[in-house]
């Protein structure tokens, strides 16, 4: 108690009376050991504290001009991290003055980062965690694209892994300086690019977090980039499609397959798109007077077939990356996201700023990209032994109608996790059941039916009581509370209830089940209620389109930092 008293005495010297009331109100939680303002003098390796601002309850104007109302009082700490001479990593740590729950929550960024997402920070602060986020050291990539990292290998490492690890190390140090003790538990949530950061953390820095949610993870970056380059090539020129055509395709898919995949016939989304084999030629124009305005030309039919098939090596036939699920065609900005022909930035990092992706060779150029970048960017290795060994829990979450990060890639990764738990070879059904059971003790995959990239779509993507549209709630946020129960109380999530919102009203709910189980209508009850569905094992031998082993070799990208390494807190500084 002596340490708490000293902290409050120090705070009393510099904080206004209104804030002191907040601090004295948290006597039951770790009291502040240092005032917010004094954190500007905190000495940390390769770190400059650029702001330590007390924000009282009410409106907060972020550095980018955004205004947020109704936030609880907090200490906002901004810092610049320079682990190398070419690094420029910005982080912010937000520390609630009252009712801190004793936990730290790291928040993922997205795409190529480049800026802090104050909207994300503001959504998580009211949950009473101490929170942090990084711009991944890629400014000005948010406005100029990832090409600005070409010829900057240290910045590429910052982007892929180092910024998130160092954010975590520094945030914990700042938390301990402010509250007088470290967080009892540490969690990380991220989706898209942030989901990729989440998998890197579990694999390469397994001691950073007790629990991690990885949503729609970009963890196979070089091959996802190759796959995404197919779309602007396929869907431009004579194959350019309109939003109306994309909607017509989704409608045709749902009409043929809804209700045959475990859902109900009235669903306007698919529960398991792998059970749907709709052929885009069904909408091909005949050239006759009865053609619908949204019929597909022959080039458009071919483009959609490639969309579903994914990419492969044209010489060997080996799969490079999975295709997109049927039912995703009108979700998450597709087709607008492929309307502009633009060189994928990752290719520029390996092949030069003047590279033209129209000439990309999926055989030799893919090898060149992988040789230079797979070791930095990819996290395909399904060996989470270190993370598992200290009791870490991982929830993978993915929308089953995601056209930006194809769902089968995440399923194939989880299947590799299961295989890593297999103790005998060859694998039989009994081996698989035992391996699945061991995998589910520390890692579970939840597939959200009908949901697009992190949120949106016709499926359930919201928490109970949420009425705001995407992206205010995302599937990674839905999984956070179940993760906490799993880590702290040993209650593994056997289902997650998600809700769908239409015009500000929650109109149906559905259970989201731990793979390989999927929601199945029980045959009795209101189809808008989750209680009318059960989580049942999917016994189909579905094609998850796994990449060829060649395209899962990440090279020597790890050191995996051992949890028992006494220097772990500073390991990020050495990389």
Protein backbone atom coordinates (compact mmCIF):
# COMPACT_ATOMS: atom_id res chain seq x y z
CA UNK A 1 0.00 0.00 0.00
CA UNK A 2 2.98 2.25 0.58
CA UNK A 3 3.72 2.32 -3.16
CA UNK A 4 0.12 3.36 -3.96
CA UNK A 5 0.26 6.22 -1.47
CA UNK A 6 3.49 7.55 -2.97
CA UNK A 7 1.95 7.46 -6.44
CA UNK A 8 -1.08 9.45 -5.37
CA UNK A 9 1.06 11.98 -3.51
CA UNK A 10 3.11 12.51 -6.66
CA UNK A 11 -0.03 12.90 -8.75
CA UNK A 12 -1.41 15.48 -6.35
CA UNK A 13 1.45 17.82 -7.13
CA UNK A 14 0.63 18.18 -10.80
CA UNK A 15 -2.95 17.13 -11.57
CA UNK A 16 -6.10 19.29 -11.43
CA UNK A 17 -8.68 18.65 -8.73
CA UNK A 18 -11.20 17.10 -11.13
CA UNK A 19 -8.66 14.53 -12.16
CA UNK A 20 -7.65 13.78 -8.58
CA UNK A 21 -11.24 12.78 -7.92
CA UNK A 22 -10.94 10.26 -10.73
CA UNK A 23 -7.67 8.93 -9.35
CA UNK A 24 -8.90 8.57 -5.77
CA UNK A 25 -11.91 6.77 -7.22
CA UNK A 26 -9.72 3.84 -8.29
CA UNK A 27 -8.35 2.88 -4.87
CA UNK A 28 -9.49 -0.71 -5.49
CA UNK A 29 -7.47 -0.88 -8.71
CA UNK A 30 -3.73 -0.17 -9.14
CA UNK A 31 -3.46 3.51 -8.29
CA UNK A 32 -1.39 5.83 -10.45
CA UNK A 33 2.30 5.59 -9.53
CA UNK A 34 3.21 8.54 -11.70
CA UNK A 35 1.21 11.43 -13.01
CA UNK A 36 0.33 11.52 -16.67
CA UNK A 37 2.43 14.62 -17.27
CA UNK A 38 5.52 13.09 -15.68
CA UNK A 39 5.58 10.30 -18.29
CA UNK A 40 7.26 12.70 -20.71
CA UNK A 41 10.43 12.06 -18.72
CA UNK A 42 10.19 8.27 -18.92
CA UNK A 43 13.47 6.91 -20.32
CA UNK A 44 13.04 3.87 -22.58
CA UNK A 45 15.47 2.48 -25.18
CA UNK A 46 15.22 4.04 -28.64
CA UNK A 47 12.06 5.83 -27.55
CA UNK A 48 11.02 9.47 -27.36
CA UNK A 49 7.84 10.31 -25.48
CA UNK A 50 6.32 13.07 -27.62
CA UNK A 51 3.14 13.68 -25.59
CA UNK A 52 1.66 12.83 -22.22
CA UNK A 53 -1.74 14.49 -22.22
CA UNK A 54 -4.45 14.30 -19.57
CA UNK A 55 -7.84 14.08 -21.32
CA UNK A 56 -10.79 14.73 -19.04
CA UNK A 57 -14.16 13.14 -19.60
CA UNK A 58 -15.83 14.72 -22.61
CA UNK A 59 -14.68 15.63 -26.08
CA UNK A 60 -11.26 14.64 -27.35
CA UNK A 61 -9.78 16.14 -30.51
CA UNK A 62 -7.26 13.76 -32.03
CA UNK A 63 -4.12 15.02 -33.79
CA UNK A 64 -5.77 14.26 -37.15
CA UNK A 65 -8.69 16.57 -36.30
CA UNK A 66 -11.25 13.87 -35.47
CA UNK A 67 -13.44 14.70 -32.49
CA UNK A 68 -14.71 12.01 -30.13
CA UNK A 69 -17.35 12.66 -27.50
CA UNK A 70 -18.20 10.81 -24.32
CA UNK A 71 -14.84 9.18 -23.68
CA UNK A 72 -13.82 8.43 -20.09
CA UNK A 73 -10.93 10.41 -18.63
CA UNK A 74 -7.57 9.02 -19.73
CA UNK A 75 -3.87 9.68 -20.05
CA UNK A 76 -2.81 9.79 -23.69
CA UNK A 77 0.84 8.92 -24.25
CA UNK A 78 2.39 9.27 -27.71
CA UNK A 79 5.87 8.02 -28.49
CA UNK A 80 8.27 7.67 -31.41
CA UNK A 81 10.36 4.49 -31.61
CA UNK A 82 13.62 4.34 -33.59
CA UNK A 83 15.12 0.84 -33.26
CA UNK A 84 17.13 1.45 -36.48
CA UNK A 85 18.41 4.55 -38.21
CA UNK A 86 15.68 4.16 -40.85
CA UNK A 87 12.84 3.49 -38.39
CA UNK A 88 10.07 5.95 -37.57
CA UNK A 89 7.46 4.03 -35.57
CA UNK A 90 4.69 5.96 -33.85
CA UNK A 91 2.62 4.50 -31.05
CA UNK A 92 -0.05 5.75 -28.69
CA UNK A 93 -0.94 4.29 -25.31
CA UNK A 94 -4.23 5.32 -23.69
CA UNK A 95 -4.51 4.77 -19.94
CA UNK A 96 -7.89 5.13 -18.21
CA UNK A 97 -7.72 7.19 -15.03
CA UNK A 98 -10.51 5.28 -13.33
CA UNK A 99 -11.77 1.70 -13.35
CA UNK A 100 -8.73 0.25 -15.12
CA UNK A 101 -9.46 -3.46 -15.33
CA UNK A 102 -5.83 -4.49 -14.91
CA UNK A 103 -5.52 -5.64 -18.52
CA UNK A 104 -3.54 -4.42 -21.52
CA UNK A 105 -5.04 -4.58 -25.02
CA UNK A 106 -2.94 -4.17 -28.16
CA UNK A 107 -4.89 -3.05 -31.22
CA UNK A 108 -3.96 -4.01 -34.76
CA UNK A 109 -3.76 -1.58 -37.63
CA UNK A 110 -4.80 -2.36 -41.21
CA UNK A 111 -3.49 -2.60 -44.75
CA UNK A 112 -0.07 -0.87 -44.84
CA UNK A 113 -0.71 1.14 -41.69
CA UNK A 114 0.86 4.57 -41.97
CA UNK A 115 -1.38 6.32 -39.46
CA UNK A 116 -2.95 5.74 -36.09
CA UNK A 117 -6.63 4.77 -36.15
CA UNK A 118 -8.15 7.02 -33.52
CA UNK A 119 -11.62 5.68 -34.20
CA UNK A 120 -10.43 2.22 -33.16
CA UNK A 121 -8.75 3.56 -30.03
CA UNK A 122 -11.88 5.48 -29.07
CA UNK A 123 -14.07 2.39 -29.44
CA UNK A 124 -11.95 0.26 -27.14
CA UNK A 125 -11.10 2.81 -24.42
CA UNK A 126 -14.55 2.58 -22.74
CA UNK A 127 -13.91 -1.14 -22.10
CA UNK A 128 -11.48 -0.10 -19.31
CA UNK A 129 -8.36 -1.68 -20.79
CA UNK A 130 -5.09 0.17 -21.10
CA UNK A 131 -4.80 0.18 -24.90
CA UNK A 132 -2.14 0.82 -27.53
CA UNK A 133 -1.76 0.98 -31.29
CA UNK A 134 1.09 1.60 -33.75
CA UNK A 135 1.18 3.11 -37.22
CA UNK A 136 3.62 0.26 -38.03
CA UNK A 137 6.35 2.69 -38.97
CA UNK A 138 5.04 3.13 -42.51
CA UNK A 139 4.00 6.78 -42.68
CA UNK A 140 3.15 8.12 -45.27
CA UNK A 141 1.90 4.78 -46.62
CA UNK A 142 -1.64 5.62 -45.49
CA UNK A 143 -1.91 8.24 -48.22
CA UNK A 144 0.82 7.32 -50.71
CA UNK A 145 0.59 3.52 -50.66
CA UNK A 146 3.04 0.87 -49.58
CA UNK A 147 5.37 1.66 -52.46
CA UNK A 148 7.05 4.26 -50.24
CA UNK A 149 8.73 1.35 -48.42
CA UNK A 150 10.63 0.25 -51.54
CA UNK A 151 14.38 0.14 -50.85
CA UNK A 152 13.73 0.46 -47.10
CA UNK A 153 14.22 -3.08 -45.75
CA UNK A 154 14.26 -1.97 -42.12
CA UNK A 155 10.92 -0.22 -42.56
CA UNK A 156 9.57 -3.41 -44.13
CA UNK A 157 10.58 -5.32 -40.99
CA UNK A 158 9.02 -2.58 -38.86
CA UNK A 159 5.80 -2.95 -40.82
CA UNK A 160 5.64 -6.73 -40.66
CA UNK A 161 6.62 -7.49 -37.08
CA UNK A 162 8.93 -5.14 -35.20
CA UNK A 163 6.52 -2.24 -34.74
CA UNK A 164 3.85 -4.41 -33.10
CA UNK A 165 6.32 -6.19 -30.85
CA UNK A 166 7.99 -2.95 -29.74
CA UNK A 167 4.60 -1.29 -29.24
CA UNK A 168 3.77 -4.17 -26.91
CA UNK A 169 7.02 -3.97 -24.96
CA UNK A 170 6.86 -0.17 -24.59
CA UNK A 171 3.15 -0.13 -23.75
CA UNK A 172 3.70 -2.57 -20.87
CA UNK A 173 6.57 -0.43 -19.58
CA UNK A 174 4.44 2.72 -19.76
CA UNK A 175 1.54 0.95 -18.04
CA UNK A 176 3.79 -0.16 -15.21
CA UNK A 177 5.24 3.33 -14.82
CA UNK A 178 1.78 4.88 -14.66
CA UNK A 179 -0.14 2.39 -12.52
CA UNK A 180 2.74 1.10 -10.43
CA UNK A 181 2.36 -2.49 -11.59
CA UNK A 182 2.28 -4.38 -14.88
CA UNK A 183 -0.96 -5.61 -16.44
CA UNK A 184 -2.25 -8.89 -15.07
CA UNK A 185 -3.25 -10.06 -18.55
CA UNK A 186 -2.35 -8.92 -22.04
CA UNK A 187 -4.54 -9.31 -25.14
CA UNK A 188 -4.29 -8.40 -28.81
CA UNK A 189 -7.06 -7.99 -31.38
CA UNK A 190 -6.71 -7.19 -35.05
CA UNK A 191 -8.38 -7.80 -38.37
CA UNK A 192 -7.09 -7.78 -41.95
CA UNK A 193 -3.52 -6.45 -41.75
CA UNK A 194 -4.00 -6.35 -37.98
CA UNK A 195 -5.02 -10.00 -38.10
CA UNK A 196 -1.73 -10.75 -39.82
CA UNK A 197 0.10 -8.91 -37.03
CA UNK A 198 -1.81 -11.06 -34.56
CA UNK A 199 -0.57 -14.31 -36.11
CA UNK A 200 3.01 -12.98 -36.27
CA UNK A 201 2.77 -12.17 -32.56
CA UNK A 202 1.56 -15.68 -31.64
CA UNK A 203 4.29 -17.27 -33.74
CA UNK A 204 7.31 -15.04 -33.32
CA UNK A 205 6.73 -13.30 -29.98
CA UNK A 206 4.73 -15.93 -28.10
CA UNK A 207 5.31 -14.34 -24.69
CA UNK A 208 3.83 -10.97 -25.60
CA UNK A 209 0.16 -11.86 -25.08
CA UNK A 210 -1.98 -14.24 -23.05
CA UNK A 211 -4.73 -14.16 -25.66
CA UNK A 212 -4.95 -13.11 -29.30
CA UNK A 213 -7.80 -12.59 -31.77
CA UNK A 214 -6.69 -12.76 -35.41
CA UNK A 215 -9.48 -11.68 -37.75
CA UNK A 216 -9.31 -12.29 -41.52
CA UNK A 217 -5.52 -12.40 -41.20
CA UNK A 218 -3.13 -11.24 -43.91
CA UNK A 219 -0.54 -13.82 -42.84
CA UNK A 220 0.48 -15.11 -46.28
CA UNK A 221 1.25 -11.69 -47.69
CA UNK A 222 3.41 -12.40 -50.71
CA UNK A 223 0.99 -14.95 -52.12
CA UNK A 224 -2.13 -13.01 -51.23
CA UNK A 225 -0.60 -10.09 -53.14
CA UNK A 226 -0.05 -12.31 -56.15
CA UNK A 227 -3.62 -13.57 -55.91
CA UNK A 228 -5.07 -10.07 -55.61
CA UNK A 229 -3.12 -8.99 -58.68
CA UNK A 230 -5.20 -11.43 -60.70
CA UNK A 231 -8.42 -9.53 -60.03
CA UNK A 232 -7.58 -6.18 -61.67
CA UNK A 233 -6.15 -8.09 -64.60
CA UNK A 234 -9.17 -10.36 -64.87
CA UNK A 235 -11.89 -7.80 -64.25
CA UNK A 236 -10.68 -4.93 -66.42
CA UNK A 237 -11.09 -4.21 -70.10
CA UNK A 238 -13.75 -6.45 -71.67
CA UNK A 239 -14.34 -8.16 -68.30
CA UNK A 240 -15.04 -5.03 -66.24
CA UNK A 241 -18.11 -5.66 -64.11
CA UNK A 242 -20.56 -3.28 -62.49
CA UNK A 243 -21.82 -3.38 -58.91
CA UNK A 244 -25.19 -4.46 -60.33
CA UNK A 245 -23.57 -7.46 -62.00
CA UNK A 246 -21.70 -8.39 -58.81
CA UNK A 247 -25.00 -8.24 -56.91
CA UNK A 248 -26.68 -10.38 -59.56
CA UNK A 249 -23.96 -13.01 -59.18
CA UNK A 250 -24.35 -13.10 -55.39
CA UNK A 251 -28.13 -13.33 -55.75
CA UNK A 252 -27.78 -16.27 -58.16
CA UNK A 253 -25.35 -18.04 -55.83
CA UNK A 254 -27.66 -17.63 -52.84
CA UNK A 255 -30.73 -18.65 -54.80
CA UNK A 256 -29.14 -21.93 -55.82
CA UNK A 257 -27.32 -22.84 -52.60
CA UNK A 258 -28.93 -21.22 -49.52
CA UNK A 259 -30.52 -23.77 -47.23
CA UNK A 260 -28.48 -26.63 -48.68
CA UNK A 261 -25.44 -25.85 -46.56
CA UNK A 262 -26.82 -25.99 -43.03
CA UNK A 263 -28.61 -22.66 -42.99
CA UNK A 264 -32.22 -22.00 -43.85
CA UNK A 265 -33.74 -21.45 -47.25
CA UNK A 266 -34.73 -17.89 -46.39
CA UNK A 267 -31.13 -16.86 -45.67
CA UNK A 268 -29.71 -14.29 -48.07
CA UNK A 269 -26.20 -15.62 -47.45
CA UNK A 270 -24.41 -18.97 -47.38
CA UNK A 271 -23.52 -20.78 -44.19
CA UNK A 272 -20.85 -22.89 -45.92
CA UNK A 273 -19.89 -21.68 -49.40
CA UNK A 274 -17.68 -24.73 -49.90
CA UNK A 275 -20.89 -26.72 -50.42
CA UNK A 276 -21.93 -24.46 -53.28
CA UNK A 277 -20.69 -25.20 -56.80
CA UNK A 278 -22.62 -22.57 -58.74
CA UNK A 279 -21.14 -21.98 -62.20
CA UNK A 280 -20.92 -18.36 -63.41
CA UNK A 281 -21.73 -19.53 -66.94
CA UNK A 282 -25.32 -19.79 -65.69
CA UNK A 283 -25.52 -16.00 -66.13
CA UNK A 284 -23.67 -15.84 -69.44
CA UNK A 285 -25.27 -13.62 -72.08
CA UNK A 286 -26.76 -15.42 -75.07
CA UNK A 287 -26.88 -12.39 -77.31
CA UNK A 288 -30.63 -12.71 -77.56
CA UNK A 289 -33.37 -10.21 -76.69
CA UNK A 290 -34.11 -11.89 -73.37
CA UNK A 291 -30.68 -11.26 -71.87
CA UNK A 292 -30.84 -9.45 -68.54
CA UNK A 293 -28.89 -6.19 -68.24
CA UNK A 294 -26.74 -7.94 -65.64
CA UNK A 295 -25.85 -11.00 -67.72
CA UNK A 296 -22.16 -11.86 -67.98
CA UNK A 297 -20.05 -11.79 -71.11
CA UNK A 298 -17.71 -14.69 -71.82
CA UNK A 299 -14.67 -12.75 -70.51
CA UNK A 300 -16.60 -11.92 -67.33
CA UNK A 301 -17.52 -15.57 -66.84
CA UNK A 302 -13.85 -16.48 -67.17
CA UNK A 303 -12.88 -13.76 -64.71
CA UNK A 304 -15.30 -15.08 -62.09
CA UNK A 305 -14.01 -18.61 -62.58
CA UNK A 306 -10.48 -17.37 -61.81
CA UNK A 307 -11.92 -15.44 -58.84
CA UNK A 308 -13.15 -18.71 -57.34
CA UNK A 309 -10.11 -20.78 -58.30
CA UNK A 310 -7.34 -18.54 -56.99
CA UNK A 311 -3.81 -18.43 -58.35
CA UNK A 312 -1.44 -21.19 -59.37
CA UNK A 313 1.92 -21.65 -61.00
CA UNK A 314 1.21 -21.91 -64.74
CA UNK A 315 4.18 -24.24 -65.31
CA UNK A 316 3.74 -26.71 -62.46
CA UNK A 317 0.05 -26.30 -61.65
CA UNK A 318 0.89 -25.86 -57.94
CA UNK A 319 -1.61 -23.73 -56.05
CA UNK A 320 -0.21 -20.42 -54.85
CA UNK A 321 -3.25 -19.09 -52.98
CA UNK A 322 -6.89 -19.96 -52.43
CA UNK A 323 -9.75 -18.49 -54.40
CA UNK A 324 -12.62 -16.40 -53.09
CA UNK A 325 -15.76 -18.05 -51.67
CA UNK A 326 -19.01 -17.98 -53.59
CA UNK A 327 -21.38 -15.46 -52.10
CA UNK A 328 -18.64 -12.86 -51.53
CA UNK A 329 -18.96 -11.13 -54.89
CA UNK A 330 -20.77 -7.97 -53.72
CA UNK A 331 -19.10 -7.63 -50.29
CA UNK A 332 -16.40 -5.38 -48.86
CA UNK A 333 -15.94 -3.00 -51.75
CA UNK A 334 -15.80 -5.57 -54.53
CA UNK A 335 -15.82 -4.88 -57.49
CA UNK A 336 -14.76 -1.28 -56.87
CA UNK A 337 -11.53 -2.48 -55.27
CA UNK A 338 -10.34 -3.92 -58.59
CA UNK A 339 -11.45 -1.07 -60.81
CA UNK A 340 -8.02 0.57 -60.87
CA UNK A 341 -4.97 -1.09 -62.37
CA UNK A 342 -2.24 -0.50 -59.81
CA UNK A 343 1.01 -2.33 -59.13
CA UNK A 344 0.85 -4.19 -55.78
CA UNK A 345 3.34 -2.46 -53.50
CA UNK A 346 4.87 -5.68 -52.20
CA UNK A 347 6.00 -6.56 -55.71
CA UNK A 348 7.77 -3.19 -55.94
CA UNK A 349 9.71 -3.96 -52.76
CA UNK A 350 11.21 -7.04 -54.42
CA UNK A 351 11.17 -6.19 -58.12
CA UNK A 352 11.73 -2.44 -58.15
CA UNK A 353 9.61 0.67 -58.24
CA UNK A 354 9.29 0.53 -62.04
CA UNK A 355 7.92 -3.00 -62.12
CA UNK A 356 4.69 -3.40 -64.10
CA UNK A 357 2.52 -6.12 -62.59
CA UNK A 358 0.80 -6.74 -65.94
CA UNK A 359 3.96 -8.65 -66.80
CA UNK A 360 4.17 -10.59 -63.52
CA UNK A 361 5.42 -14.14 -64.06
CA UNK A 362 3.64 -16.38 -61.54
CA UNK A 363 6.49 -18.86 -61.86
CA UNK A 364 9.86 -17.08 -61.74
CA UNK A 365 8.76 -13.66 -60.40
CA UNK A 366 6.88 -15.34 -57.58
CA UNK A 367 10.08 -17.13 -56.57
CA UNK A 368 12.00 -13.84 -56.62
CA UNK A 369 9.42 -12.13 -54.41
CA UNK A 370 9.42 -15.02 -51.95
CA UNK A 371 13.20 -15.20 -51.76
CA UNK A 372 13.36 -11.53 -50.78
CA UNK A 373 10.21 -11.04 -48.72
CA UNK A 374 8.60 -14.26 -47.46
CA UNK A 375 10.99 -14.35 -44.51
CA UNK A 376 9.86 -10.87 -43.47
CA UNK A 377 6.19 -10.76 -44.34
CA UNK A 378 4.68 -14.24 -44.10
CA UNK A 379 3.53 -16.22 -41.06
CA UNK A 380 2.52 -19.53 -42.59
CA UNK A 381 4.36 -21.76 -40.15
CA UNK A 382 1.74 -23.58 -38.11
CA UNK A 383 3.97 -24.24 -35.11
CA UNK A 384 2.64 -22.41 -32.08
CA UNK A 385 4.28 -24.65 -29.50
CA UNK A 386 5.87 -21.74 -27.63
CA UNK A 387 2.60 -19.80 -27.52
CA UNK A 388 0.71 -22.88 -26.38
CA UNK A 389 3.33 -23.78 -23.77
CA UNK A 390 2.65 -20.71 -21.63
CA UNK A 391 -1.12 -21.08 -21.80
CA UNK A 392 -1.68 -18.68 -24.70
CA UNK A 393 -5.08 -18.78 -26.39
CA UNK A 394 -5.72 -17.91 -30.03
CA UNK A 395 -9.06 -17.20 -31.69
CA UNK A 396 -9.03 -17.04 -35.47
CA UNK A 397 -12.14 -15.32 -36.86
CA UNK A 398 -13.08 -14.95 -40.50
CA UNK A 399 -16.13 -13.90 -42.49
CA UNK A 400 -17.24 -16.68 -44.81
CA UNK A 401 -18.06 -14.18 -47.58
CA UNK A 402 -14.78 -12.25 -47.62
CA UNK A 403 -13.46 -11.21 -51.06
CA UNK A 404 -10.41 -9.37 -49.70
CA UNK A 405 -8.78 -12.12 -47.66
CA UNK A 406 -10.14 -15.42 -48.98
CA UNK A 407 -11.53 -17.50 -46.14
CA UNK A 408 -10.12 -20.85 -47.34
CA UNK A 409 -6.59 -19.61 -46.65
CA UNK A 410 -7.39 -19.27 -42.94
CA UNK A 411 -9.15 -22.64 -42.89
CA UNK A 412 -6.11 -24.26 -44.54
CA UNK A 413 -3.87 -22.65 -41.90
CA UNK A 414 -6.04 -24.07 -39.13
CA UNK A 415 -5.90 -27.49 -40.76
CA UNK A 416 -2.09 -27.21 -40.60
CA UNK A 417 -2.39 -26.40 -36.89
CA UNK A 418 -4.40 -29.60 -36.47
CA UNK A 419 -1.82 -31.56 -38.45
CA UNK A 420 0.93 -30.17 -36.21
CA UNK A 421 -0.80 -31.85 -33.26
CA UNK A 422 -0.90 -35.25 -34.95
CA UNK A 423 1.42 -37.66 -33.20
CA UNK A 424 1.37 -40.54 -35.63
CA UNK A 425 1.54 -40.94 -39.38
CA UNK A 426 -0.31 -41.79 -41.49
CA UNK A 427 -3.22 -39.88 -40.06
CA UNK A 428 -6.50 -41.75 -39.60
CA UNK A 429 -9.83 -40.46 -38.33
CA UNK A 430 -8.97 -41.24 -34.74
CA UNK A 431 -5.67 -39.39 -35.02
CA UNK A 432 -7.44 -36.37 -36.46
CA UNK A 433 -10.02 -36.26 -33.67
CA UNK A 434 -7.29 -36.37 -31.06
CA UNK A 435 -5.28 -33.72 -32.91
CA UNK A 436 -8.33 -31.49 -33.24
CA UNK A 437 -9.03 -31.84 -29.52
CA UNK A 438 -5.44 -30.86 -28.69
CA UNK A 439 -5.61 -27.92 -31.10
CA UNK A 440 -8.88 -26.63 -29.65
CA UNK A 441 -7.29 -26.53 -26.22
CA UNK A 442 -5.35 -23.44 -27.32
CA UNK A 443 -6.61 -22.32 -30.75
CA UNK A 444 -10.11 -22.13 -32.24
CA UNK A 445 -11.40 -20.94 -35.59
CA UNK A 446 -14.80 -19.25 -35.97
CA UNK A 447 -16.28 -18.74 -39.44
CA UNK A 448 -18.94 -16.02 -39.58
CA UNK A 449 -21.52 -16.97 -42.25
CA UNK A 450 -22.28 -14.30 -44.83
CA UNK A 451 -19.86 -11.75 -43.34
CA UNK A 452 -17.44 -9.82 -45.56
CA UNK A 453 -13.97 -8.52 -44.80
CA UNK A 454 -13.90 -8.10 -41.00
CA UNK A 455 -17.51 -6.86 -41.02
CA UNK A 456 -20.42 -6.13 -43.31
CA UNK A 457 -22.37 -8.34 -45.63
CA UNK A 458 -25.66 -10.13 -45.11
CA UNK A 459 -24.46 -12.24 -42.18
CA UNK A 460 -24.19 -11.57 -38.43
CA UNK A 461 -21.27 -9.27 -37.57
CA UNK A 462 -22.34 -7.40 -34.41
CA UNK A 463 -22.46 -7.81 -30.65
CA UNK A 464 -25.75 -7.94 -28.79
CA UNK A 465 -27.02 -4.40 -28.37
CA UNK A 466 -24.87 -2.88 -31.11
CA UNK A 467 -26.85 -1.01 -33.72
CA UNK A 468 -24.09 0.81 -35.60
CA UNK A 469 -23.10 -0.44 -39.05
CA UNK A 470 -19.65 -1.75 -39.95
CA UNK A 471 -16.90 -0.87 -39.27
CA UNK A 472 -17.98 0.23 -35.79
CA UNK A 473 -18.12 -3.41 -34.76
CA UNK A 474 -15.95 -6.11 -36.26
CA UNK A 475 -15.62 -9.82 -35.83
CA UNK A 476 -12.38 -9.43 -33.85
CA UNK A 477 -14.24 -7.30 -31.28
CA UNK A 478 -17.01 -9.90 -31.03
CA UNK A 479 -14.40 -12.52 -30.11
CA UNK A 480 -12.65 -10.45 -27.42
CA UNK A 481 -14.96 -11.18 -24.47
CA UNK A 482 -15.03 -14.95 -25.15
CA UNK A 483 -11.24 -14.84 -25.35
CA UNK A 484 -10.99 -13.21 -21.91
CA UNK A 485 -13.27 -15.87 -20.42
CA UNK A 486 -11.09 -18.55 -21.96
CA UNK A 487 -7.79 -17.10 -20.74
CA UNK A 488 -8.84 -16.06 -17.25
CA UNK A 489 -11.48 -18.63 -16.34
CA UNK A 490 -10.72 -21.59 -18.57
CA UNK A 491 -14.11 -21.38 -20.31
CA UNK A 492 -13.36 -22.29 -23.92
CA UNK A 493 -15.89 -20.75 -26.34
CA UNK A 494 -18.16 -23.46 -27.76
CA UNK A 495 -20.15 -20.84 -29.68
CA UNK A 496 -20.20 -17.08 -30.18
CA UNK A 497 -23.56 -15.40 -30.67
CA UNK A 498 -23.45 -12.73 -33.37
CA UNK A 499 -26.17 -10.36 -34.53
CA UNK A 500 -27.11 -8.70 -37.79
CA UNK A 501 -28.20 -5.06 -38.00
CA UNK A 502 -30.52 -3.57 -40.62
CA UNK A 503 -31.28 0.16 -40.49
CA UNK A 504 -30.18 0.41 -36.88
CA UNK A 505 -32.19 -2.61 -35.69
CA UNK A 506 -30.87 -6.05 -34.79
CA UNK A 507 -33.05 -8.33 -36.88
CA UNK A 508 -31.55 -11.78 -36.36
CA UNK A 509 -28.88 -13.69 -34.45
CA UNK A 510 -26.91 -16.79 -35.27
CA UNK A 511 -24.36 -18.90 -33.41
CA UNK A 512 -20.84 -18.91 -34.81
CA UNK A 513 -19.23 -22.26 -34.12
CA UNK A 514 -15.71 -23.54 -33.51
CA UNK A 515 -14.43 -25.17 -36.70
CA UNK A 516 -15.08 -27.74 -38.02
CA UNK A 517 -18.55 -27.29 -36.54
CA UNK A 518 -20.97 -24.96 -38.31
CA UNK A 519 -24.43 -23.66 -37.39
CA UNK A 520 -27.27 -25.96 -38.41
CA UNK A 521 -30.95 -25.18 -38.14
CA UNK A 522 -32.51 -27.57 -35.63
CA UNK A 523 -35.74 -27.71 -37.62
CA UNK A 524 -37.72 -26.16 -34.80
CA UNK A 525 -38.10 -22.56 -33.70
CA UNK A 526 -37.76 -19.00 -34.95
CA UNK A 527 -35.12 -18.85 -37.66
CA UNK A 528 -34.17 -15.32 -36.55
CA UNK A 529 -33.03 -16.64 -33.14
CA UNK A 530 -29.68 -18.21 -32.44
CA UNK A 531 -31.38 -20.61 -30.04
CA UNK A 532 -32.97 -22.38 -33.01
CA UNK A 533 -29.55 -23.45 -34.31
CA UNK A 534 -27.03 -25.99 -33.09
CA UNK A 535 -23.30 -26.26 -33.69
CA UNK A 536 -22.87 -29.50 -35.60
CA UNK A 537 -19.74 -31.12 -36.97
CA UNK A 538 -19.30 -30.61 -40.68
CA UNK A 539 -18.56 -34.06 -42.01
CA UNK A 540 -18.05 -33.07 -45.64
CA UNK A 541 -14.58 -33.46 -47.06
CA UNK A 542 -14.48 -29.89 -48.30
CA UNK A 543 -11.76 -28.48 -50.51
CA UNK A 544 -10.02 -25.76 -48.52
CA UNK A 545 -7.69 -25.02 -51.45
CA UNK A 546 -4.44 -25.32 -49.48
CA UNK A 547 -1.35 -23.83 -51.12
CA UNK A 548 1.37 -26.15 -52.32
CA UNK A 549 4.11 -26.72 -49.70
CA UNK A 550 6.49 -24.61 -51.78
CA UNK A 551 4.30 -21.58 -51.15
CA UNK A 552 4.17 -22.17 -47.40
CA UNK A 553 7.93 -22.01 -46.89
CA UNK A 554 8.65 -18.78 -45.04
CA UNK A 555 12.38 -19.29 -44.93
CA UNK A 556 14.34 -18.09 -41.91
CA UNK A 557 11.97 -15.37 -40.82
CA UNK A 558 11.88 -16.30 -37.17
CA UNK A 559 13.71 -15.77 -34.52
CA UNK A 560 10.93 -17.02 -32.35
CA UNK A 561 11.66 -15.23 -29.10
CA UNK A 562 11.67 -17.83 -26.31
CA UNK A 563 9.34 -16.99 -23.45
CA UNK A 564 11.97 -17.90 -20.87
CA UNK A 565 14.51 -15.52 -22.43
CA UNK A 566 15.36 -13.13 -19.61
CA UNK A 567 16.08 -10.43 -22.17
CA UNK A 568 12.72 -10.83 -23.94
CA UNK A 569 11.55 -7.35 -22.97
CA UNK A 570 14.35 -5.86 -25.02
CA UNK A 571 14.51 -8.43 -27.81
CA UNK A 572 12.65 -6.21 -30.22
CA UNK A 573 15.38 -3.59 -29.91
CA UNK A 574 17.99 -6.04 -31.15
CA UNK A 575 16.27 -7.16 -34.36
